[in-house]
Amino acid sequence: MDDLTKNRYRTGLEVRRSVLGDPHVDRAEDTATDFDRPFQQLITEAAWGTVWARPGWSKRERSIVTLALLAALGHDEEVAMHVRATANTGATRDDICEAFLHVAVYAGVPAANRAFKIAKEVFAQMDGAKTAHG
């Protein structure tokens, strides 16, 4: 890896951890194999070290846009992951609702309906974890 790539990877890892949390990133790294390690490096550098690390938008704003895009594209597991990540990005439940309303109008009611369902399930898990931990 050249220095620019190493720097982008380090930055990406910091941003990825700040958004998704250490446990998620640790799991991704611990389960990476020779087969998918290049993919993990790519998303860490490109998504997290380049796009998410850019100035101009806050993590909250990026989180809202990401949720809308993932919902519109029907990427259910990623929607759930990024709903959980809002605990770290500052996007509120009201923000998520507004994003999914936009999805309903611009990408279709079925996509938004599925996203709302996923978010409600994740919120119930998050609320249960808060209750269980005090």
C-alpha atoms as a PDB file:
ATOM      1  CA  MET A   1       0.000   0.000   0.000  1.00  0.00           C
ATOM      2  CA  ASP A   2       1.297   3.455  -0.818  1.00  0.00           C
ATOM      3  CA  ASP A   3       1.158   6.240   1.804  1.00  0.00           C
ATOM      4  CA  LEU A   4      -1.993   7.835   0.382  1.00  0.00           C
ATOM      5  CA  THR A   5      -3.818   4.500   0.456  1.00  0.00           C
ATOM      6  CA  LYS A   6      -2.579   3.779   3.996  1.00  0.00           C
ATOM      7  CA  ASN A   7      -3.770   7.200   5.158  1.00  0.00           C
ATOM      8  CA  ARG A   8      -7.163   6.771   3.492  1.00  0.00           C
ATOM      9  CA  TYR A   9      -7.487   3.316   5.084  1.00  0.00           C
ATOM     10  CA  ARG A  10      -6.556   4.632   8.565  1.00  0.00           C
ATOM     11  CA  THR A  11      -8.987   7.527   8.196  1.00  0.00           C
ATOM     12  CA  GLY A  12     -11.652   5.173   6.914  1.00  0.00           C
ATOM     13  CA  LEU A  13     -11.180   2.812   9.816  1.00  0.00           C
ATOM     14  CA  GLU A  14     -11.551   5.689  12.298  1.00  0.00           C
ATOM     15  CA  VAL A  15     -14.707   6.989  10.608  1.00  0.00           C
ATOM     16  CA  ARG A  16     -16.157   3.484  10.179  1.00  0.00           C
ATOM     17  CA  ARG A  17     -15.607   2.753  13.873  1.00  0.00           C
ATOM     18  CA  SER A  18     -17.134   6.092  14.911  1.00  0.00           C
ATOM     19  CA  VAL A  19     -20.271   5.411  12.871  1.00  0.00           C
ATOM     20  CA  LEU A  20     -20.788   1.650  13.106  1.00  0.00           C
ATOM     21  CA  GLY A  21     -19.051   1.019  16.415  1.00  0.00           C
ATOM     22  CA  ASP A  22     -16.042  -1.064  17.370  1.00  0.00           C
ATOM     23  CA  PRO A  23     -17.948  -4.362  17.773  1.00  0.00           C
ATOM     24  CA  HIS A  24     -19.284  -4.215  14.197  1.00  0.00           C
ATOM     25  CA  VAL A  25     -15.928  -3.307  12.656  1.00  0.00           C
ATOM     26  CA  ASP A  26     -14.091  -5.853  14.790  1.00  0.00           C
ATOM     27  CA  ARG A  27     -16.505  -8.588  13.602  1.00  0.00           C
ATOM     28  CA  ALA A  28     -15.995  -7.573   9.974  1.00  0.00           C
ATOM     29  CA  GLU A  29     -12.224  -7.631  10.376  1.00  0.00           C
ATOM     30  CA  ASP A  30     -12.168 -10.864  12.416  1.00  0.00           C
ATOM     31  CA  THR A  31     -14.301 -12.745   9.899  1.00  0.00           C
ATOM     32  CA  ALA A  32     -12.516 -11.439   6.797  1.00  0.00           C
ATOM     33  CA  THR A  33     -10.803 -14.106   4.738  1.00  0.00           C
ATOM     34  CA  ASP A  34      -8.311 -13.908   1.908  1.00  0.00           C
ATOM     35  CA  PHE A  35     -11.357 -13.982  -0.380  1.00  0.00           C
ATOM     36  CA  ASP A  36     -13.171 -10.895   0.978  1.00  0.00           C
ATOM     37  CA  ARG A  37     -10.336  -8.951   2.667  1.00  0.00           C
ATOM     38  CA  PRO A  38      -9.826  -6.853  -0.510  1.00  0.00           C
ATOM     39  CA  PHE A  39     -13.530  -5.918  -0.362  1.00  0.00           C
ATOM     40  CA  GLN A  40     -13.237  -4.890   3.301  1.00  0.00           C
ATOM     41  CA  GLN A  41     -10.229  -2.746   2.384  1.00  0.00           C
ATOM     42  CA  LEU A  42     -12.118  -1.193  -0.532  1.00  0.00           C
ATOM     43  CA  ILE A  43     -15.162  -0.164   1.502  1.00  0.00           C
ATOM     44  CA  THR A  44     -12.986   1.109   4.346  1.00  0.00           C
ATOM     45  CA  GLU A  45     -10.968   3.292   1.958  1.00  0.00           C
ATOM     46  CA  ALA A  46     -13.687   4.348  -0.490  1.00  0.00           C
ATOM     47  CA  ALA A  47     -16.870   4.618   1.549  1.00  0.00           C
ATOM     48  CA  TRP A  48     -15.433   5.534   4.928  1.00  0.00           C
ATOM     49  CA  GLY A  49     -12.018   7.039   4.145  1.00  0.00           C
ATOM     50  CA  THR A  50     -13.142   9.072   1.156  1.00  0.00           C
ATOM     51  CA  VAL A  51     -16.905   9.744   1.089  1.00  0.00           C
ATOM     52  CA  TRP A  52     -17.816   9.677   4.792  1.00  0.00           C
ATOM     53  CA  ALA A  53     -14.621  11.569   5.684  1.00  0.00           C
ATOM     54  CA  ARG A  54     -15.288  14.461   3.304  1.00  0.00           C
ATOM     55  CA  PRO A  55     -15.904  17.904   4.780  1.00  0.00           C
ATOM     56  CA  GLY A  56     -19.155  19.706   4.174  1.00  0.00           C
ATOM     57  CA  TRP A  57     -21.701  17.243   5.546  1.00  0.00           C
ATOM     58  CA  SER A  58     -22.022  16.053   9.093  1.00  0.00           C
ATOM     59  CA  LYS A  59     -22.269  12.384  10.002  1.00  0.00           C
ATOM     60  CA  ARG A  60     -25.949  13.042  10.747  1.00  0.00           C
ATOM     61  CA  GLU A  61     -26.556  14.330   7.214  1.00  0.00           C
ATOM     62  CA  ARG A  62     -24.631  11.463   5.636  1.00  0.00           C
ATOM     63  CA  SER A  63     -26.547   9.018   7.793  1.00  0.00           C
ATOM     64  CA  ILE A  64     -29.920  10.378   6.643  1.00  0.00           C
ATOM     65  CA  VAL A  65     -28.962  10.252   2.964  1.00  0.00           C
ATOM     66  CA  THR A  66     -27.467   6.780   3.339  1.00  0.00           C
ATOM     67  CA  LEU A  67     -30.638   5.460   4.962  1.00  0.00           C
ATOM     68  CA  ALA A  68     -32.812   6.897   2.198  1.00  0.00           C
ATOM     69  CA  LEU A  69     -30.619   5.403  -0.517  1.00  0.00           C
ATOM     70  CA  LEU A  70     -30.402   1.986   1.114  1.00  0.00           C
ATOM     71  CA  ALA A  71     -34.152   1.916   1.689  1.00  0.00           C
ATOM     72  CA  ALA A  72     -34.864   2.961  -1.895  1.00  0.00           C
ATOM     73  CA  LEU A  73     -32.608   0.191  -3.172  1.00  0.00           C
ATOM     74  CA  GLY A  74     -34.112  -2.428  -0.851  1.00  0.00           C
ATOM     75  CA  HIS A  75     -30.888  -3.240   0.998  1.00  0.00           C
ATOM     76  CA  ASP A  76     -32.585  -4.453   4.173  1.00  0.00           C
ATOM     77  CA  GLU A  77     -29.535  -5.599   6.159  1.00  0.00           C
ATOM     78  CA  GLU A  78     -27.745  -2.351   5.430  1.00  0.00           C
ATOM     79  CA  VAL A  79     -30.848  -0.351   6.419  1.00  0.00           C
ATOM     80  CA  ALA A  80     -30.876  -2.135   9.783  1.00  0.00           C
ATOM     81  CA  MET A  81     -27.140  -1.584  10.282  1.00  0.00           C
ATOM     82  CA  HIS A  82     -27.398   2.121   9.490  1.00  0.00           C
ATOM     83  CA  VAL A  83     -30.482   2.594  11.677  1.00  0.00           C
ATOM     84  CA  ARG A  84     -28.396   1.162  14.548  1.00  0.00           C
ATOM     85  CA  ALA A  85     -25.562   3.521  13.565  1.00  0.00           C
ATOM     86  CA  THR A  86     -27.770   6.571  14.122  1.00  0.00           C
ATOM     87  CA  ALA A  87     -26.971   6.136  17.819  1.00  0.00           C
ATOM     88  CA  ASN A  88     -23.484   7.341  16.802  1.00  0.00           C
ATOM     89  CA  THR A  89     -24.293   9.792  14.000  1.00  0.00           C
ATOM     90  CA  GLY A  90     -26.877  11.999  15.680  1.00  0.00           C
ATOM     91  CA  ALA A  91     -29.653  11.260  13.179  1.00  0.00           C
ATOM     92  CA  THR A  92     -32.915  11.125  15.105  1.00  0.00           C
ATOM     93  CA  ARG A  93     -35.946   8.937  14.666  1.00  0.00           C
ATOM     94  CA  ASP A  94     -37.713  11.977  13.235  1.00  0.00           C
ATOM     95  CA  ASP A  95     -34.873  12.332  10.699  1.00  0.00           C
ATOM     96  CA  ILE A  96     -35.271   8.687   9.718  1.00  0.00           C
ATOM     97  CA  CYS A  97     -39.034   9.070   9.352  1.00  0.00           C
ATOM     98  CA  GLU A  98     -38.555  12.076   7.070  1.00  0.00           C
ATOM     99  CA  ALA A  99     -35.994  10.197   4.972  1.00  0.00           C
ATOM    100  CA  PHE A 100     -38.348   7.243   4.553  1.00  0.00           C
ATOM    101  CA  LEU A 101     -41.238   9.565   3.616  1.00  0.00           C
ATOM    102  CA  HIS A 102     -39.034  10.844   0.801  1.00  0.00           C
ATOM    103  CA  VAL A 103     -38.355   7.244  -0.182  1.00  0.00           C
ATOM    104  CA  ALA A 104     -42.110   6.638  -0.380  1.00  0.00           C
ATOM    105  CA  VAL A 105     -42.619   9.524  -2.793  1.00  0.00           C
ATOM    106  CA  TYR A 106     -39.493   9.159  -4.917  1.00  0.00           C
ATOM    107  CA  ALA A 107     -38.748   5.422  -4.811  1.00  0.00           C
ATOM    108  CA  GLY A 108     -42.068   3.842  -3.965  1.00  0.00           C
ATOM    109  CA  VAL A 109     -44.347   3.045  -1.077  1.00  0.00           C
ATOM    110  CA  PRO A 110     -43.292  -0.634  -0.847  1.00  0.00           C
ATOM    111  CA  ALA A 111     -39.644   0.353  -0.333  1.00  0.00           C
ATOM    112  CA  ALA A 112     -40.575   2.852   2.369  1.00  0.00           C
ATOM    113  CA  ASN A 113     -42.988   0.424   3.996  1.00  0.00           C
ATOM    114  CA  ARG A 114     -40.224  -2.174   4.288  1.00  0.00           C
ATOM    115  CA  ALA A 115     -37.765   0.418   5.629  1.00  0.00           C
ATOM    116  CA  PHE A 116     -40.230   1.597   8.292  1.00  0.00           C
ATOM    117  CA  LYS A 117     -40.776  -2.017   9.345  1.00  0.00           C
ATOM    118  CA  ILE A 118     -37.029  -2.647   9.624  1.00  0.00           C
ATOM    119  CA  ALA A 119     -36.454   0.582  11.561  1.00  0.00           C
ATOM    120  CA  LYS A 120     -39.248  -0.249  14.024  1.00  0.00           C
ATOM    121  CA  GLU A 121     -37.673  -3.670  14.655  1.00  0.00           C
ATOM    122  CA  VAL A 122     -34.247  -2.116  15.202  1.00  0.00           C
ATOM    123  CA  PHE A 123     -35.682   0.580  17.496  1.00  0.00           C
ATOM    124  CA  ALA A 124     -37.373  -2.131  19.593  1.00  0.00           C
ATOM    125  CA  GLN A 125     -34.031  -3.950  19.896  1.00  0.00           C
ATOM    126  CA  MET A 126     -32.215  -0.733  20.780  1.00  0.00           C
ATOM    127  CA  ASP A 127     -34.855   0.260  23.318  1.00  0.00           C
ATOM    128  CA  GLY A 128     -34.734  -3.224  24.847  1.00  0.00           C
ATOM    129  CA  ALA A 129     -30.957  -3.043  25.149  1.00  0.00           C
ATOM    130  CA  LYS A 130     -31.239   0.349  26.884  1.00  0.00           C
ATOM    131  CA  THR A 131     -33.827  -1.034  29.317  1.00  0.00           C
ATOM    132  CA  ALA A 132     -31.735  -4.133  30.035  1.00  0.00           C
ATOM    133  CA  HIS A 133     -28.607  -2.047  30.711  1.00  0.00           C
ATOM    134  CA  GLY A 134     -30.275   0.612  32.821  1.00  0.00           C
END
